[in-house]
């Protein structure tokens, strides 16, 4: 295994600086540079060597970022550069087109437009996958599904989504009514106060256009009855007229607590 072969790979890396590549691409470059076939073990050792020399940085186990030994990598800037494209690619790979952003991230998109912040964990609702996986570094994606009496509810909830383009990537996210109910579905102590603050901000900004038709259709799926009751409690003081409309819907679907 010659040093000149590895130097040829380094030349390829230097021509592709500041790019994120799948580990399979690096494997192809290595296999092309060396005359003899490389085992998985040798590829692992060469990859480690290139990382150790400062030519590569792992974004996650199957994605590498090409840099150089004389460059200090700005991690926040790198996250800003790569997060959205890697999130989109990961969701498309495992869920094709049947997925959307829900919960707090969806609520923020409804409030602030095409500004998708980089959360520690983003929740993606889809039609088949339940797992927590890595987007990049320590940023996670939580894939969730919904079922009611063994019926998959993705198609029902996908009707309540909106498209948004963020830095060239098109994302689906829950519309305002669905995002509000999702945020109240199972709030944690860490997110409860922030969720409620955002919900009140959203209702203040959109109280004239808030769709009770959407709330009605969502509750008709048999989900989010508890969320609707939490929303009723939250708005009955500042928005009594809206609270009465919501209360009537909750009663209609037999969910009033």
Protein backbone atom coordinates (compact mmCIF):
# COMPACT_ATOMS: atom_id res chain seq x y z
CA UNK A 1 0.00 0.00 0.00
CA UNK A 2 1.98 2.99 -1.28
CA UNK A 3 2.20 6.50 0.13
CA UNK A 4 1.85 7.86 -3.42
CA UNK A 5 -1.59 6.23 -3.70
CA UNK A 6 -2.74 7.94 -0.51
CA UNK A 7 -1.24 11.21 -1.77
CA UNK A 8 -3.39 10.87 -4.89
CA UNK A 9 -6.48 10.55 -2.71
CA UNK A 10 -5.40 13.64 -0.76
CA UNK A 11 -5.13 15.55 -4.05
CA UNK A 12 -8.73 14.57 -4.86
CA UNK A 13 -9.82 15.70 -1.40
CA UNK A 14 -8.05 19.04 -1.81
CA UNK A 15 -9.97 19.64 -5.05
CA UNK A 16 -13.25 18.98 -3.21
CA UNK A 17 -12.72 21.00 -0.03
CA UNK A 18 -15.74 22.28 1.91
CA UNK A 19 -18.04 19.57 0.56
CA UNK A 20 -20.01 16.90 2.41
CA UNK A 21 -19.76 13.47 0.78
CA UNK A 22 -21.16 10.03 1.59
CA UNK A 23 -18.56 7.62 2.95
CA UNK A 24 -19.22 5.44 -0.11
CA UNK A 25 -17.74 8.18 -2.31
CA UNK A 26 -14.52 8.18 -0.29
CA UNK A 27 -14.43 4.38 -0.59
CA UNK A 28 -14.66 4.68 -4.39
CA UNK A 29 -11.81 7.20 -4.44
CA UNK A 30 -9.66 4.94 -2.30
CA UNK A 31 -10.38 1.87 -4.38
CA UNK A 32 -9.50 3.79 -7.56
CA UNK A 33 -6.22 5.13 -6.15
CA UNK A 34 -4.78 1.81 -4.97
CA UNK A 35 -3.75 -0.93 -7.38
CA UNK A 36 -4.88 -3.78 -5.13
CA UNK A 37 -8.49 -4.25 -3.92
CA UNK A 38 -8.97 -2.80 -0.43
CA UNK A 39 -10.73 -4.69 2.33
CA UNK A 40 -13.25 -2.95 4.59
CA UNK A 41 -10.63 -3.01 7.33
CA UNK A 42 -8.05 -1.23 5.17
CA UNK A 43 -10.61 1.36 4.07
CA UNK A 44 -11.47 2.01 7.72
CA UNK A 45 -7.77 2.46 8.59
CA UNK A 46 -7.16 4.80 5.66
CA UNK A 47 -10.25 6.84 6.51
CA UNK A 48 -9.08 7.12 10.11
CA UNK A 49 -5.65 8.21 8.88
CA UNK A 50 -7.16 10.94 6.70
CA UNK A 51 -9.30 12.14 9.60
CA UNK A 52 -6.29 12.13 11.90
CA UNK A 53 -4.30 14.19 9.40
CA UNK A 54 -7.10 16.76 9.25
CA UNK A 55 -8.48 16.12 5.77
CA UNK A 56 -11.82 14.69 6.86
CA UNK A 57 -14.40 15.30 9.58
CA UNK A 58 -17.29 12.95 10.38
CA UNK A 59 -20.69 14.62 10.20
CA UNK A 60 -22.21 11.23 11.04
CA UNK A 61 -21.10 7.66 10.45
CA UNK A 62 -21.97 7.64 6.72
CA UNK A 63 -21.25 11.28 5.80
CA UNK A 64 -17.86 13.01 5.76
CA UNK A 65 -16.88 16.65 5.40
CA UNK A 66 -13.75 17.50 3.40
CA UNK A 67 -11.50 20.08 5.00
CA UNK A 68 -7.73 20.62 5.27
CA UNK A 69 -5.10 20.36 8.02
CA UNK A 70 -4.42 24.11 7.99
CA UNK A 71 -8.07 25.09 8.47
CA UNK A 72 -9.97 25.55 11.73
CA UNK A 73 -13.50 24.20 11.18
CA UNK A 74 -16.27 26.51 12.42
CA UNK A 75 -18.76 23.92 13.74
CA UNK A 76 -21.82 26.25 14.03
CA UNK A 77 -21.19 27.54 10.49
CA UNK A 78 -20.80 23.95 9.25
CA UNK A 79 -24.09 22.96 10.88
CA UNK A 80 -25.75 25.96 9.21
CA UNK A 81 -24.26 24.90 5.86
CA UNK A 82 -25.19 21.21 6.01
CA UNK A 83 -28.13 20.65 8.37
CA UNK A 84 -31.11 21.31 6.10
CA UNK A 85 -29.77 19.44 3.08
CA UNK A 86 -28.82 16.44 5.25
CA UNK A 87 -32.20 16.49 6.99
CA UNK A 88 -34.03 16.57 3.66
CA UNK A 89 -31.86 13.81 2.15
CA UNK A 90 -32.23 11.57 5.21
CA UNK A 91 -36.02 11.90 5.26
CA UNK A 92 -36.32 11.35 1.51
CA UNK A 93 -34.09 8.26 1.67
CA UNK A 94 -36.19 6.50 4.31
CA UNK A 95 -39.67 7.98 3.80
CA UNK A 96 -39.69 9.08 0.14
CA UNK A 97 -42.27 11.92 0.02
CA UNK A 98 -44.49 10.75 2.87
CA UNK A 99 -43.19 12.86 5.75
CA UNK A 100 -43.57 16.29 7.28
CA UNK A 101 -42.10 18.38 10.09
CA UNK A 102 -44.33 18.63 13.12
CA UNK A 103 -44.38 19.95 16.70
CA UNK A 104 -42.30 22.99 17.71
CA UNK A 105 -40.36 23.27 14.47
CA UNK A 106 -43.62 23.35 12.48
CA UNK A 107 -45.08 25.97 14.82
CA UNK A 108 -41.96 28.12 14.39
CA UNK A 109 -42.27 27.82 10.59
CA UNK A 110 -45.89 28.97 10.77
CA UNK A 111 -44.84 31.94 12.88
CA UNK A 112 -41.58 32.97 11.27
CA UNK A 113 -41.70 31.69 7.69
CA UNK A 114 -38.71 30.00 6.05
CA UNK A 115 -36.48 30.05 9.11
CA UNK A 116 -35.85 26.47 10.21
CA UNK A 117 -33.72 26.63 13.33
CA UNK A 118 -31.44 23.71 14.17
CA UNK A 119 -32.96 21.95 17.18
CA UNK A 120 -31.24 19.24 19.19
CA UNK A 121 -34.07 16.97 18.03
CA UNK A 122 -36.54 17.55 15.24
CA UNK A 123 -39.71 15.45 15.01
CA UNK A 124 -40.78 14.14 11.61
CA UNK A 125 -44.15 12.45 11.18
CA UNK A 126 -44.26 9.82 8.43
CA UNK A 127 -46.19 6.77 7.29
CA UNK A 128 -43.90 3.90 8.36
CA UNK A 129 -40.81 4.66 10.44
CA UNK A 130 -40.33 5.02 14.20
CA UNK A 131 -36.79 5.62 15.40
CA UNK A 132 -34.38 8.26 16.61
CA UNK A 133 -31.43 8.80 14.29
CA UNK A 134 -28.59 11.26 13.72
CA UNK A 135 -28.85 14.10 11.21
CA UNK A 136 -25.33 15.41 11.88
CA UNK A 137 -23.04 15.64 14.89
CA UNK A 138 -25.35 15.45 17.94
CA UNK A 139 -28.49 16.70 16.13
CA UNK A 140 -31.18 14.04 16.06
CA UNK A 141 -34.27 13.27 14.02
CA UNK A 142 -37.20 11.57 15.74
CA UNK A 143 -39.35 9.67 13.23
CA UNK A 144 -42.93 9.12 14.45
CA UNK A 145 -46.05 7.45 13.10
CA UNK A 146 -49.68 7.65 14.20
CA UNK A 147 -52.26 4.90 14.31
CA UNK A 148 -55.86 4.81 15.48
CA UNK A 149 -57.51 1.40 15.78
CA UNK A 150 -54.67 -0.03 13.64
CA UNK A 151 -55.29 2.54 10.88
CA UNK A 152 -52.24 4.54 9.80
CA UNK A 153 -53.18 8.22 10.03
CA UNK A 154 -50.46 9.72 7.86
CA UNK A 155 -52.81 10.40 4.92
CA UNK A 156 -55.34 12.09 7.21
CA UNK A 157 -52.78 14.41 8.78
CA UNK A 158 -50.86 15.07 5.54
CA UNK A 159 -53.95 16.98 4.38
CA UNK A 160 -53.11 19.57 7.03
CA UNK A 161 -49.62 20.46 5.84
CA UNK A 162 -47.96 23.30 3.95
CA UNK A 163 -44.97 23.45 1.62
CA UNK A 164 -42.11 25.80 2.31
CA UNK A 165 -38.79 26.29 0.54
CA UNK A 166 -35.77 26.77 2.80
CA UNK A 167 -32.42 27.49 1.15
CA UNK A 168 -33.39 25.57 -1.97
CA UNK A 169 -34.96 22.60 -0.18
CA UNK A 170 -38.72 22.04 -0.12
CA UNK A 171 -40.16 20.86 3.18
CA UNK A 172 -43.67 19.91 4.25
CA UNK A 173 -44.69 21.04 7.72
CA UNK A 174 -47.87 20.90 9.78
CA UNK A 175 -50.22 23.82 9.25
CA UNK A 176 -50.95 26.12 12.17
CA UNK A 177 -53.87 24.20 13.65
CA UNK A 178 -52.16 20.82 13.47
CA UNK A 179 -48.86 22.23 14.76
CA UNK A 180 -50.64 23.73 17.79
CA UNK A 181 -52.29 20.43 18.68
CA UNK A 182 -49.08 18.48 18.11
CA UNK A 183 -47.16 20.79 20.44
CA UNK A 184 -49.73 20.07 23.14
CA UNK A 185 -49.86 16.32 22.49
CA UNK A 186 -47.24 15.23 24.99
CA UNK A 187 -45.26 18.28 26.16
CA UNK A 188 -42.20 17.76 28.34
CA UNK A 189 -41.22 19.96 31.26
CA UNK A 190 -38.41 21.34 29.08
CA UNK A 191 -40.71 22.35 26.20
CA UNK A 192 -44.07 23.07 27.87
CA UNK A 193 -43.55 26.74 28.69
CA UNK A 194 -41.91 27.56 25.36
CA UNK A 195 -44.64 25.69 23.45
CA UNK A 196 -47.42 27.55 25.26
CA UNK A 197 -45.71 30.90 24.70
CA UNK A 198 -45.39 30.22 20.96
CA UNK A 199 -49.00 29.00 20.74
CA UNK A 200 -50.30 32.19 22.36
CA UNK A 201 -48.14 34.26 20.01
CA UNK A 202 -49.49 32.32 17.03
CA UNK A 203 -53.11 32.72 18.11
CA UNK A 204 -52.62 36.45 18.69
CA UNK A 205 -51.14 36.82 15.21
CA UNK A 206 -53.68 34.58 13.43
CA UNK A 207 -56.84 34.76 15.57
CA UNK A 208 -58.91 36.11 12.67
CA UNK A 209 -57.84 33.32 10.30
CA UNK A 210 -57.56 30.39 12.71
CA UNK A 211 -59.43 27.51 11.05
CA UNK A 212 -61.89 25.64 13.25
CA UNK A 213 -62.73 23.59 10.16
CA UNK A 214 -59.16 22.26 10.36
CA UNK A 215 -59.48 21.62 14.09
CA UNK A 216 -62.74 19.74 13.39
CA UNK A 217 -61.14 17.51 10.75
CA UNK A 218 -58.12 16.75 12.93
CA UNK A 219 -60.25 15.80 15.94
CA UNK A 220 -62.39 13.61 13.67
CA UNK A 221 -59.38 11.29 13.22
CA UNK A 222 -59.73 10.23 16.86
CA UNK A 223 -56.43 11.86 17.85
CA UNK A 224 -55.54 15.03 19.73
CA UNK A 225 -58.55 15.13 22.05
CA UNK A 226 -56.26 15.69 25.02
CA UNK A 227 -54.35 18.36 23.07
CA UNK A 228 -57.59 20.20 22.32
CA UNK A 229 -58.49 20.19 26.03
CA UNK A 230 -55.06 21.61 26.90
CA UNK A 231 -55.54 24.29 24.24
CA UNK A 232 -58.99 25.12 25.66
CA UNK A 233 -57.49 25.63 29.11
CA UNK A 234 -54.71 27.80 27.65
CA UNK A 235 -56.95 30.18 25.66
CA UNK A 236 -60.13 30.42 27.72
CA UNK A 237 -58.77 33.40 29.65
CA UNK A 238 -57.25 35.58 26.90
CA UNK A 239 -59.49 34.41 24.03
CA UNK A 240 -62.92 33.46 25.45
CA UNK A 241 -64.76 33.63 22.10
CA UNK A 242 -62.26 31.27 20.45
CA UNK A 243 -62.42 29.05 23.52
CA UNK A 244 -66.19 28.66 23.13
CA UNK A 245 -65.81 27.59 19.50
CA UNK A 246 -63.15 25.08 20.46
CA UNK A 247 -65.22 23.79 23.36
CA UNK A 248 -68.13 23.08 21.00
CA UNK A 249 -65.83 21.04 18.74
CA UNK A 250 -64.39 19.07 21.64
CA UNK A 251 -67.92 18.23 22.79
CA UNK A 252 -68.89 17.25 19.26
CA UNK A 253 -66.16 14.62 19.18
CA UNK A 254 -66.83 13.43 22.74
CA UNK A 255 -63.50 14.55 24.14
CA UNK A 256 -64.40 17.25 26.66
CA UNK A 257 -62.67 16.62 29.98
